[in-house]
PDB file of N, CA and C in Angstrom:
ATOM      1  N   MET A   1       7.497 -29.769 -34.451  1.00  0.00           N
ATOM      2  CA  MET A   1       7.319 -29.710 -35.878  1.00  0.00           C
ATOM      3  C   MET A   1       8.443 -28.872 -36.514  1.00  0.00           C
ATOM      4  N   ALA A   2       8.612 -27.654 -36.044  1.00  0.00           N
ATOM      5  CA  ALA A   2       9.657 -26.796 -36.608  1.00  0.00           C
ATOM      6  C   ALA A   2      11.047 -27.336 -36.291  1.00  0.00           C
ATOM      7  N   GLN A   3      11.214 -27.879 -35.106  1.00  0.00           N
ATOM      8  CA  GLN A   3      12.527 -28.388 -34.713  1.00  0.00           C
ATOM      9  C   GLN A   3      12.949 -29.577 -35.574  1.00  0.00           C
ATOM     10  N   SER A   4      12.012 -30.459 -35.895  1.00  0.00           N
ATOM     11  CA  SER A   4      12.381 -31.611 -36.732  1.00  0.00           C
ATOM     12  C   SER A   4      12.720 -31.167 -38.157  1.00  0.00           C
ATOM     13  N   ALA A   5      12.000 -30.185 -38.689  1.00  0.00           N
ATOM     14  CA  ALA A   5      12.312 -29.669 -40.028  1.00  0.00           C
ATOM     15  C   ALA A   5      13.686 -28.997 -40.017  1.00  0.00           C
ATOM     16  N   ARG A   6      13.962 -28.257 -38.974  1.00  0.00           N
ATOM     17  CA  ARG A   6      15.265 -27.597 -38.837  1.00  0.00           C
ATOM     18  C   ARG A   6      16.389 -28.636 -38.741  1.00  0.00           C
ATOM     19  N   SER A   7      16.163 -29.674 -37.957  1.00  0.00           N
ATOM     20  CA  SER A   7      17.167 -30.731 -37.790  1.00  0.00           C
ATOM     21  C   SER A   7      17.469 -31.433 -39.110  1.00  0.00           C
ATOM     22  N   LEU A   8      16.427 -31.712 -39.880  1.00  0.00           N
ATOM     23  CA  LEU A   8      16.619 -32.360 -41.181  1.00  0.00           C
ATOM     24  C   LEU A   8      17.436 -31.457 -42.105  1.00  0.00           C
ATOM     25  N   LEU A   9      17.126 -30.172 -42.119  1.00  0.00           N
ATOM     26  CA  LEU A   9      17.865 -29.241 -42.975  1.00  0.00           C
ATOM     27  C   LEU A   9      19.335 -29.167 -42.553  1.00  0.00           C
ATOM     28  N   ILE A  10      19.581 -29.092 -41.268  1.00  0.00           N
ATOM     29  CA  ILE A  10      20.970 -29.052 -40.778  1.00  0.00           C
ATOM     30  C   ILE A  10      21.698 -30.347 -41.135  1.00  0.00           C
ATOM     31  N   GLU A  11      21.035 -31.474 -40.981  1.00  0.00           N
ATOM     32  CA  GLU A  11      21.645 -32.769 -41.300  1.00  0.00           C
ATOM     33  C   GLU A  11      22.032 -32.852 -42.780  1.00  0.00           C
ATOM     34  N   GLU A  12      21.108 -32.475 -43.664  1.00  0.00           N
ATOM     35  CA  GLU A  12      21.385 -32.548 -45.101  1.00  0.00           C
ATOM     36  C   GLU A  12      22.444 -31.528 -45.512  1.00  0.00           C
ATOM     37  N   THR A  13      22.377 -30.336 -44.947  1.00  0.00           N
ATOM     38  CA  THR A  13      23.372 -29.315 -45.259  1.00  0.00           C
ATOM     39  C   THR A  13      24.758 -29.765 -44.820  1.00  0.00           C
ATOM     40  N   THR A  14      24.843 -30.313 -43.633  1.00  0.00           N
ATOM     41  CA  THR A  14      26.126 -30.797 -43.107  1.00  0.00           C
ATOM     42  C   THR A  14      26.675 -31.927 -43.966  1.00  0.00           C
ATOM     43  N   ARG A  15      25.796 -32.841 -44.371  1.00  0.00           N
ATOM     44  CA  ARG A  15      26.228 -33.977 -45.193  1.00  0.00           C
ATOM     45  C   ARG A  15      26.816 -33.494 -46.512  1.00  0.00           C
ATOM     46  N   VAL A  16      26.113 -32.599 -47.193  1.00  0.00           N
ATOM     47  CA  VAL A  16      26.597 -32.092 -48.478  1.00  0.00           C
ATOM     48  C   VAL A  16      27.850 -31.245 -48.278  1.00  0.00           C
ATOM     49  N   TRP A  17      27.883 -30.431 -47.237  1.00  0.00           N
ATOM     50  CA  TRP A  17      29.061 -29.607 -46.975  1.00  0.00           C
ATOM     51  C   TRP A  17      30.294 -30.486 -46.723  1.00  0.00           C
ATOM     52  N   ASP A  18      30.120 -31.544 -45.951  1.00  0.00           N
ATOM     53  CA  ASP A  18      31.229 -32.461 -45.690  1.00  0.00           C
ATOM     54  C   ASP A  18      31.737 -33.089 -46.981  1.00  0.00           C
ATOM     55  N   MET A  19      30.821 -33.427 -47.882  1.00  0.00           N
ATOM     56  CA  MET A  19      31.221 -34.000 -49.165  1.00  0.00           C
ATOM     57  C   MET A  19      32.018 -32.988 -49.979  1.00  0.00           C
ATOM     58  N   VAL A  20      31.539 -31.776 -50.018  1.00  0.00           N
ATOM     59  CA  VAL A  20      32.227 -30.721 -50.767  1.00  0.00           C
ATOM     60  C   VAL A  20      33.615 -30.482 -50.186  1.00  0.00           C
ATOM     61  N   GLN A  21      33.711 -30.417 -48.876  1.00  0.00           N
ATOM     62  CA  GLN A  21      34.993 -30.202 -48.205  1.00  0.00           C
ATOM     63  C   GLN A  21      35.979 -31.334 -48.498  1.00  0.00           C
ATOM     64  N   ALA A  22      35.452 -32.559 -48.651  1.00  0.00           N
ATOM     65  CA  ALA A  22      36.303 -33.720 -48.923  1.00  0.00           C
ATOM     66  C   ALA A  22      36.619 -33.863 -50.411  1.00  0.00           C
ATOM     67  N   GLY A  23      36.024 -33.013 -51.237  1.00  0.00           N
ATOM     68  CA  GLY A  23      36.260 -33.100 -52.675  1.00  0.00           C
ATOM     69  C   GLY A  23      35.434 -34.177 -53.351  1.00  0.00           C
ATOM     70  N   THR A  24      34.424 -34.689 -52.678  1.00  0.00           N
ATOM     71  CA  THR A  24      33.554 -35.722 -53.226  1.00  0.00           C
ATOM     72  C   THR A  24      32.453 -35.072 -54.060  1.00  0.00           C
ATOM     73  N   PRO A  25      32.239 -35.528 -55.281  1.00  0.00           N
ATOM     74  CA  PRO A  25      31.166 -34.954 -56.099  1.00  0.00           C
ATOM     75  C   PRO A  25      29.793 -35.163 -55.450  1.00  0.00           C
ATOM     76  N   VAL A  26      28.962 -34.161 -55.545  1.00  0.00           N
ATOM     77  CA  VAL A  26      27.599 -34.228 -55.006  1.00  0.00           C
ATOM     78  C   VAL A  26      26.671 -34.514 -56.185  1.00  0.00           C
ATOM     79  N   ASN A  27      26.034 -35.687 -56.166  1.00  0.00           N
ATOM     80  CA  ASN A  27      25.193 -36.065 -57.306  1.00  0.00           C
ATOM     81  C   ASN A  27      23.797 -35.445 -57.194  1.00  0.00           C
ATOM     82  N   ALA A  28      22.990 -35.661 -58.223  1.00  0.00           N
ATOM     83  CA  ALA A  28      21.661 -35.057 -58.307  1.00  0.00           C
ATOM     84  C   ALA A  28      20.763 -35.495 -57.154  1.00  0.00           C
ATOM     85  N   GLU A  29      20.836 -36.756 -56.764  1.00  0.00           N
ATOM     86  CA  GLU A  29      19.991 -37.230 -55.669  1.00  0.00           C
ATOM     87  C   GLU A  29      20.356 -36.527 -54.358  1.00  0.00           C
ATOM     88  N   GLN A  30      21.628 -36.384 -54.097  1.00  0.00           N
ATOM     89  CA  GLN A  30      22.060 -35.714 -52.866  1.00  0.00           C
ATOM     90  C   GLN A  30      21.655 -34.242 -52.868  1.00  0.00           C
ATOM     91  N   ARG A  31      21.793 -33.581 -54.011  1.00  0.00           N
ATOM     92  CA  ARG A  31      21.343 -32.191 -54.116  1.00  0.00           C
ATOM     93  C   ARG A  31      19.836 -32.107 -53.941  1.00  0.00           C
ATOM     94  N   GLY A  32      19.129 -33.094 -54.489  1.00  0.00           N
ATOM     95  CA  GLY A  32      17.673 -33.134 -54.349  1.00  0.00           C
ATOM     96  C   GLY A  32      17.236 -33.291 -52.909  1.00  0.00           C
ATOM     97  N   LEU A  33      17.942 -34.153 -52.170  1.00  0.00           N
ATOM     98  CA  LEU A  33      17.608 -34.342 -50.755  1.00  0.00           C
ATOM     99  C   LEU A  33      17.838 -33.059 -49.958  1.00  0.00           C
ATOM    100  N   LEU A  34      18.895 -32.337 -50.301  1.00  0.00           N
ATOM    101  CA  LEU A  34      19.143 -31.056 -49.645  1.00  0.00           C
ATOM    102  C   LEU A  34      18.033 -30.071 -49.991  1.00  0.00           C
ATOM    103  N   ARG A  35      17.655 -30.050 -51.242  1.00  0.00           N
ATOM    104  CA  ARG A  35      16.620 -29.095 -51.661  1.00  0.00           C
ATOM    105  C   ARG A  35      15.274 -29.403 -51.041  1.00  0.00           C
ATOM    106  N   ILE A  36      14.920 -30.676 -50.945  1.00  0.00           N
ATOM    107  CA  ILE A  36      13.628 -31.002 -50.344  1.00  0.00           C
ATOM    108  C   ILE A  36      13.649 -30.720 -48.837  1.00  0.00           C
ATOM    109  N   ALA A  37      14.803 -30.882 -48.198  1.00  0.00           N
ATOM    110  CA  ALA A  37      14.914 -30.525 -46.781  1.00  0.00           C
ATOM    111  C   ALA A  37      14.706 -29.024 -46.600  1.00  0.00           C
ATOM    112  N   ALA A  38      15.258 -28.219 -47.506  1.00  0.00           N
ATOM    113  CA  ALA A  38      15.072 -26.767 -47.445  1.00  0.00           C
ATOM    114  C   ALA A  38      13.612 -26.395 -47.709  1.00  0.00           C
ATOM    115  N   THR A  39      13.001 -27.068 -48.661  1.00  0.00           N
ATOM    116  CA  THR A  39      11.592 -26.811 -48.968  1.00  0.00           C
ATOM    117  C   THR A  39      10.710 -27.176 -47.790  1.00  0.00           C
ATOM    118  N   HIS A  40      10.979 -28.314 -47.177  1.00  0.00           N
ATOM    119  CA  HIS A  40      10.202 -28.752 -46.012  1.00  0.00           C
ATOM    120  C   HIS A  40      10.368 -27.776 -44.851  1.00  0.00           C
ATOM    121  N   ALA A  41      11.584 -27.326 -44.604  1.00  0.00           N
ATOM    122  CA  ALA A  41      11.824 -26.376 -43.508  1.00  0.00           C
ATOM    123  C   ALA A  41      11.088 -25.062 -43.757  1.00  0.00           C
ATOM    124  N   THR A  42      11.100 -24.603 -44.990  1.00  0.00           N
ATOM    125  CA  THR A  42      10.421 -23.352 -45.329  1.00  0.00           C
ATOM    126  C   THR A  42       8.906 -23.490 -45.198  1.00  0.00           C
ATOM    127  N   THR A  43       8.360 -24.567 -45.708  1.00  0.00           N
ATOM    128  CA  THR A  43       6.923 -24.812 -45.616  1.00  0.00           C
ATOM    129  C   THR A  43       6.489 -24.946 -44.156  1.00  0.00           C
ATOM    130  N   THR A  44       7.293 -25.626 -43.377  1.00  0.00           N
ATOM    131  CA  THR A  44       6.991 -25.791 -41.952  1.00  0.00           C
ATOM    132  C   THR A  44       7.048 -24.451 -41.230  1.00  0.00           C
ATOM    133  N   ALA A  45       8.043 -23.645 -41.535  1.00  0.00           N
ATOM    134  CA  ALA A  45       8.149 -22.321 -40.915  1.00  0.00           C
ATOM    135  C   ALA A  45       6.925 -21.475 -41.248  1.00  0.00           C
ATOM    136  N   ALA A  46       6.449 -21.541 -42.476  1.00  0.00           N
ATOM    137  CA  ALA A  46       5.249 -20.789 -42.863  1.00  0.00           C
ATOM    138  C   ALA A  46       4.030 -21.278 -42.094  1.00  0.00           C
ATOM    139  N   SER A  47       3.930 -22.575 -41.918  1.00  0.00           N
ATOM    140  CA  SER A  47       2.810 -23.139 -41.162  1.00  0.00           C
ATOM    141  C   SER A  47       2.833 -22.687 -39.703  1.00  0.00           C
ATOM    142  N   VAL A  48       4.017 -22.686 -39.117  1.00  0.00           N
ATOM    143  CA  VAL A  48       4.162 -22.231 -37.728  1.00  0.00           C
ATOM    144  C   VAL A  48       3.803 -20.747 -37.621  1.00  0.00           C
ATOM    145  N   ALA A  49       4.281 -19.938 -38.563  1.00  0.00           N
ATOM    146  CA  ALA A  49       3.964 -18.502 -38.555  1.00  0.00           C
ATOM    147  C   ALA A  49       2.463 -18.279 -38.702  1.00  0.00           C
ATOM    148  N   ASP A  50       1.805 -19.068 -39.544  1.00  0.00           N
ATOM    149  CA  ASP A  50       0.352 -18.970 -39.700  1.00  0.00           C
ATOM    150  C   ASP A  50      -0.353 -19.223 -38.374  1.00  0.00           C
ATOM    151  N   ARG A  51       0.081 -20.245 -37.674  1.00  0.00           N
ATOM    152  CA  ARG A  51      -0.546 -20.587 -36.392  1.00  0.00           C
ATOM    153  C   ARG A  51      -0.322 -19.497 -35.342  1.00  0.00           C
ATOM    154  N   MET A  52       0.875 -18.960 -35.306  1.00  0.00           N
ATOM    155  CA  MET A  52       1.180 -17.899 -34.341  1.00  0.00           C
ATOM    156  C   MET A  52       0.405 -16.621 -34.680  1.00  0.00           C
ATOM    157  N   TYR A  53       0.278 -16.326 -35.962  1.00  0.00           N
ATOM    158  CA  TYR A  53      -0.484 -15.155 -36.404  1.00  0.00           C
ATOM    159  C   TYR A  53      -1.944 -15.300 -35.975  1.00  0.00           C
ATOM    160  N   THR A  54      -2.495 -16.473 -36.184  1.00  0.00           N
ATOM    161  CA  THR A  54      -3.877 -16.738 -35.775  1.00  0.00           C
ATOM    162  C   THR A  54      -4.026 -16.608 -34.261  1.00  0.00           C
ATOM    163  N   ALA A  55      -3.076 -17.152 -33.532  1.00  0.00           N
ATOM    164  CA  ALA A  55      -3.125 -17.064 -32.069  1.00  0.00           C
ATOM    165  C   ALA A  55      -2.971 -15.627 -31.583  1.00  0.00           C
ATOM    166  N   GLY A  56      -2.330 -14.774 -32.383  1.00  0.00           N
ATOM    167  CA  GLY A  56      -2.128 -13.376 -32.004  1.00  0.00           C
ATOM    168  C   GLY A  56      -3.391 -12.547 -32.009  1.00  0.00           C
ATOM    169  N   GLY A  57      -4.448 -13.049 -32.637  1.00  0.00           N
ATOM    170  CA  GLY A  57      -5.718 -12.328 -32.644  1.00  0.00           C
ATOM    171  C   GLY A  57      -5.663 -11.054 -33.457  1.00  0.00           C
ATOM    172  N   GLY A  58      -6.570 -10.140 -33.138  1.00  0.00           N
ATOM    173  CA  GLY A  58      -6.727  -8.898 -33.886  1.00  0.00           C
ATOM    174  C   GLY A  58      -5.507  -8.000 -33.888  1.00  0.00           C
ATOM    175  N   THR A  59      -4.715  -8.042 -32.827  1.00  0.00           N
ATOM    176  CA  THR A  59      -3.540  -7.167 -32.782  1.00  0.00           C
ATOM    177  C   THR A  59      -2.472  -7.582 -33.789  1.00  0.00           C
ATOM    178  N   ALA A  60      -2.529  -8.804 -34.256  1.00  0.00           N
ATOM    179  CA  ALA A  60      -1.562  -9.277 -35.245  1.00  0.00           C
ATOM    180  C   ALA A  60      -1.740  -8.568 -36.590  1.00  0.00           C
ATOM    181  N   LEU A  61      -2.883  -7.933 -36.802  1.00  0.00           N
ATOM    182  CA  LEU A  61      -3.151  -7.242 -38.058  1.00  0.00           C
ATOM    183  C   LEU A  61      -2.349  -5.953 -38.225  1.00  0.00           C
ATOM    184  N   PHE A  62      -1.973  -5.332 -37.120  1.00  0.00           N
ATOM    185  CA  PHE A  62      -1.330  -4.027 -37.178  1.00  0.00           C
ATOM    186  C   PHE A  62       0.115  -4.118 -37.669  1.00  0.00           C
ATOM    187  N   ALA A  63       0.542  -3.106 -38.413  1.00  0.00           N
ATOM    188  CA  ALA A  63       1.911  -3.059 -38.935  1.00  0.00           C
ATOM    189  C   ALA A  63       2.940  -3.091 -37.815  1.00  0.00           C
ATOM    190  N   SER A  64       2.571  -2.658 -36.634  1.00  0.00           N
ATOM    191  CA  SER A  64       3.499  -2.647 -35.504  1.00  0.00           C
ATOM    192  C   SER A  64       3.683  -4.039 -34.879  1.00  0.00           C
ATOM    193  N   SER A  65       2.881  -4.997 -35.307  1.00  0.00           N
ATOM    194  CA  SER A  65       2.956  -6.346 -34.738  1.00  0.00           C
ATOM    195  C   SER A  65       4.085  -7.148 -35.381  1.00  0.00           C
ATOM    196  N   PRO A  66       4.980  -7.702 -34.564  1.00  0.00           N
ATOM    197  CA  PRO A  66       6.031  -8.567 -35.120  1.00  0.00           C
ATOM    198  C   PRO A  66       5.451  -9.788 -35.843  1.00  0.00           C
ATOM    199  N   LEU A  67       4.284 -10.243 -35.414  1.00  0.00           N
ATOM    200  CA  LEU A  67       3.670 -11.405 -36.067  1.00  0.00           C
ATOM    201  C   LEU A  67       3.300 -11.096 -37.516  1.00  0.00           C
ATOM    202  N   GLN A  68       2.820  -9.888 -37.753  1.00  0.00           N
ATOM    203  CA  GLN A  68       2.442  -9.485 -39.101  1.00  0.00           C
ATOM    204  C   GLN A  68       3.661  -9.499 -40.012  1.00  0.00           C
ATOM    205  N   ARG A  69       4.766  -8.981 -39.508  1.00  0.00           N
ATOM    206  CA  ARG A  69       6.002  -8.947 -40.306  1.00  0.00           C
ATOM    207  C   ARG A  69       6.539 -10.360 -40.548  1.00  0.00           C
ATOM    208  N   CYS A  70       6.518 -11.189 -39.528  1.00  0.00           N
ATOM    209  CA  CYS A  70       6.978 -12.583 -39.680  1.00  0.00           C
ATOM    210  C   CYS A  70       6.143 -13.317 -40.720  1.00  0.00           C
ATOM    211  N   LEU A  71       4.832 -13.102 -40.673  1.00  0.00           N
ATOM    212  CA  LEU A  71       3.944 -13.769 -41.620  1.00  0.00           C
ATOM    213  C   LEU A  71       4.286 -13.364 -43.055  1.00  0.00           C
ATOM    214  N   ARG A  72       4.459 -12.073 -43.294  1.00  0.00           N
ATOM    215  CA  ARG A  72       4.797 -11.606 -44.643  1.00  0.00           C
ATOM    216  C   ARG A  72       6.158 -12.127 -45.088  1.00  0.00           C
ATOM    217  N   ASP A  73       7.141 -12.065 -44.193  1.00  0.00           N
ATOM    218  CA  ASP A  73       8.488 -12.499 -44.560  1.00  0.00           C
ATOM    219  C   ASP A  73       8.538 -13.977 -44.912  1.00  0.00           C
ATOM    220  N   VAL A  74       7.956 -14.803 -44.066  1.00  0.00           N
ATOM    221  CA  VAL A  74       8.051 -16.245 -44.304  1.00  0.00           C
ATOM    222  C   VAL A  74       7.278 -16.651 -45.557  1.00  0.00           C
ATOM    223  N   HIS A  75       6.151 -16.002 -45.807  1.00  0.00           N
ATOM    224  CA  HIS A  75       5.417 -16.344 -47.028  1.00  0.00           C
ATOM    225  C   HIS A  75       6.116 -15.801 -48.269  1.00  0.00           C
ATOM    226  N   GLY A  76       6.857 -14.733 -48.129  1.00  0.00           N
ATOM    227  CA  GLY A  76       7.679 -14.256 -49.230  1.00  0.00           C
ATOM    228  C   GLY A  76       8.739 -15.273 -49.598  1.00  0.00           C
ATOM    229  N   ILE A  77       9.353 -15.878 -48.602  1.00  0.00           N
ATOM    230  CA  ILE A  77      10.396 -16.879 -48.832  1.00  0.00           C
ATOM    231  C   ILE A  77       9.831 -18.120 -49.525  1.00  0.00           C
ATOM    232  N   THR A  78       8.607 -18.490 -49.206  1.00  0.00           N
ATOM    233  CA  THR A  78       8.026 -19.697 -49.812  1.00  0.00           C
ATOM    234  C   THR A  78       7.863 -19.574 -51.322  1.00  0.00           C
ATOM    235  N   GLN A  79       7.948 -18.366 -51.852  1.00  0.00           N
ATOM    236  CA  GLN A  79       7.780 -18.162 -53.292  1.00  0.00           C
ATOM    237  C   GLN A  79       9.093 -18.288 -54.066  1.00  0.00           C
ATOM    238  N   HIS A  80      10.197 -18.399 -53.371  1.00  0.00           N
ATOM    239  CA  HIS A  80      11.490 -18.529 -54.050  1.00  0.00           C
ATOM    240  C   HIS A  80      11.534 -19.867 -54.779  1.00  0.00           C
ATOM    241  N   PHE A  81      12.079 -19.864 -56.004  1.00  0.00           N
ATOM    242  CA  PHE A  81      12.060 -21.084 -56.821  1.00  0.00           C
ATOM    243  C   PHE A  81      12.738 -22.268 -56.136  1.00  0.00           C
ATOM    244  N   PHE A  82      13.727 -22.015 -55.290  1.00  0.00           N
ATOM    245  CA  PHE A  82      14.465 -23.112 -54.665  1.00  0.00           C
ATOM    246  C   PHE A  82      13.599 -23.889 -53.675  1.00  0.00           C
ATOM    247  N   VAL A  83      12.619 -23.217 -53.063  1.00  0.00           N
ATOM    248  CA  VAL A  83      11.804 -23.865 -52.029  1.00  0.00           C
ATOM    249  C   VAL A  83      10.302 -23.767 -52.285  1.00  0.00           C
ATOM    250  N   ALA A  84       9.905 -23.368 -53.480  1.00  0.00           N
ATOM    251  CA  ALA A  84       8.483 -23.253 -53.810  1.00  0.00           C
ATOM    252  C   ALA A  84       7.842 -24.645 -53.875  1.00  0.00           C
ATOM    253  N   PRO A  85       6.531 -24.736 -53.666  1.00  0.00           N
ATOM    254  CA  PRO A  85       5.846 -26.042 -53.671  1.00  0.00           C
ATOM    255  C   PRO A  85       6.123 -26.953 -54.859  1.00  0.00           C
ATOM    256  N   PRO A  86       6.319 -26.452 -56.091  1.00  0.00           N
ATOM    257  CA  PRO A  86       6.615 -27.379 -57.190  1.00  0.00           C
ATOM    258  C   PRO A  86       7.884 -28.207 -56.978  1.00  0.00           C
ATOM    259  N   THR A  87       8.723 -27.798 -56.026  1.00  0.00           N
ATOM    260  CA  THR A  87       9.928 -28.571 -55.717  1.00  0.00           C
ATOM    261  C   THR A  87       9.570 -29.991 -55.310  1.00  0.00           C
ATOM    262  N   TYR A  88       8.468 -30.171 -54.582  1.00  0.00           N
ATOM    263  CA  TYR A  88       8.083 -31.512 -54.132  1.00  0.00           C
ATOM    264  C   TYR A  88       7.886 -32.461 -55.315  1.00  0.00           C
ATOM    265  N   GLU A  89       7.227 -31.988 -56.357  1.00  0.00           N
ATOM    266  CA  GLU A  89       7.001 -32.845 -57.530  1.00  0.00           C
ATOM    267  C   GLU A  89       8.314 -33.177 -58.218  1.00  0.00           C
ATOM    268  N   MET A  90       9.149 -32.169 -58.427  1.00  0.00           N
ATOM    269  CA  MET A  90      10.410 -32.380 -59.125  1.00  0.00           C
ATOM    270  C   MET A  90      11.300 -33.367 -58.369  1.00  0.00           C
ATOM    271  N   ILE A  91      11.442 -33.185 -57.066  1.00  0.00           N
ATOM    272  CA  ILE A  91      12.303 -34.062 -56.275  1.00  0.00           C
ATOM    273  C   ILE A  91      11.674 -35.441 -56.146  1.00  0.00           C
ATOM    274  N   GLY A  92      10.351 -35.500 -56.034  1.00  0.00           N
ATOM    275  CA  GLY A  92       9.672 -36.796 -55.996  1.00  0.00           C
ATOM    276  C   GLY A  92       9.961 -37.613 -57.240  1.00  0.00           C
ATOM    277  N   LYS A  93       9.893 -36.961 -58.392  1.00  0.00           N
ATOM    278  CA  LYS A  93      10.218 -37.659 -59.649  1.00  0.00           C
ATOM    279  C   LYS A  93      11.659 -38.144 -59.640  1.00  0.00           C
ATOM    280  N   LEU A  94      12.563 -37.280 -59.206  1.00  0.00           N
ATOM    281  CA  LEU A  94      13.976 -37.641 -59.159  1.00  0.00           C
ATOM    282  C   LEU A  94      14.189 -38.875 -58.285  1.00  0.00           C
ATOM    283  N   LEU A  95      13.588 -38.872 -57.092  1.00  0.00           N
ATOM    284  CA  LEU A  95      13.777 -39.980 -56.157  1.00  0.00           C
ATOM    285  C   LEU A  95      13.110 -41.265 -56.626  1.00  0.00           C
ATOM    286  N   LEU A  96      12.091 -41.146 -57.480  1.00  0.00           N
ATOM    287  CA  LEU A  96      11.420 -42.324 -58.026  1.00  0.00           C
ATOM    288  C   LEU A  96      12.029 -42.794 -59.345  1.00  0.00           C
ATOM    289  N   GLY A  97      13.078 -42.091 -59.789  1.00  0.00           N
ATOM    290  CA  GLY A  97      13.749 -42.488 -61.016  1.00  0.00           C
ATOM    291  C   GLY A  97      13.077 -41.997 -62.280  1.00  0.00           C
ATOM    292  N   VAL A  98      12.173 -41.025 -62.138  1.00  0.00           N
ATOM    293  CA  VAL A  98      11.493 -40.431 -63.291  1.00  0.00           C
ATOM    294  C   VAL A  98      12.191 -39.113 -63.601  1.00  0.00           C
ATOM    295  N   GLU A  99      12.491 -38.878 -64.867  1.00  0.00           N
ATOM    296  CA  GLU A  99      13.171 -37.638 -65.252  1.00  0.00           C
ATOM    297  C   GLU A  99      12.252 -36.450 -64.992  1.00  0.00           C
ATOM    298  N   PRO A 100      12.682 -35.520 -64.141  1.00  0.00           N
ATOM    299  CA  PRO A 100      11.860 -34.327 -63.891  1.00  0.00           C
ATOM    300  C   PRO A 100      11.713 -33.477 -65.145  1.00  0.00           C
ATOM    301  N   ASP A 101      10.571 -32.791 -65.272  1.00  0.00           N
ATOM    302  CA  ASP A 101      10.302 -31.943 -66.432  1.00  0.00           C
ATOM    303  C   ASP A 101      11.268 -30.752 -66.473  1.00  0.00           C
ATOM    304  N   ASN A 102      11.505 -30.158 -65.334  1.00  0.00           N
ATOM    305  CA  ASN A 102      12.371 -28.990 -65.253  1.00  0.00           C
ATOM    306  C   ASN A 102      13.466 -29.296 -64.239  1.00  0.00           C
ATOM    307  N   PHE A 103      14.564 -29.802 -64.706  1.00  0.00           N
ATOM    308  CA  PHE A 103      15.596 -30.307 -63.821  1.00  0.00           C
ATOM    309  C   PHE A 103      16.589 -29.215 -63.444  1.00  0.00           C
ATOM    310  N   MET A 104      16.297 -28.527 -62.356  1.00  0.00           N
ATOM    311  CA  MET A 104      17.202 -27.474 -61.857  1.00  0.00           C
ATOM    312  C   MET A 104      17.480 -27.747 -60.389  1.00  0.00           C
ATOM    313  N   LEU A 105      18.569 -28.409 -60.127  1.00  0.00           N
ATOM    314  CA  LEU A 105      18.952 -28.670 -58.744  1.00  0.00           C
ATOM    315  C   LEU A 105      20.131 -27.814 -58.409  1.00  0.00           C
TER     316      LEU A 105
END
């Protein structure tokens, strides 16, 4: 699960980076695909951290537990505007040809 999300993010990042390096303009759809790949990777990472935290049992609650820190960090990242859940709606509209309400790619 995490590996496929990571692979998609690397693929989209590489594609856009190659375009930039070649001087090719990156259009809204291409930026949207990169953003949704980043959102998917972040959401997947949070899901994996949730599962590991649960598997860690009671010791995961302590501040000394690396699982506790990972859980807080990854959920903090999910709140960033670039990868927050509303990104799915905005990019979905873009890919369906509907003008997004808040178009920030």
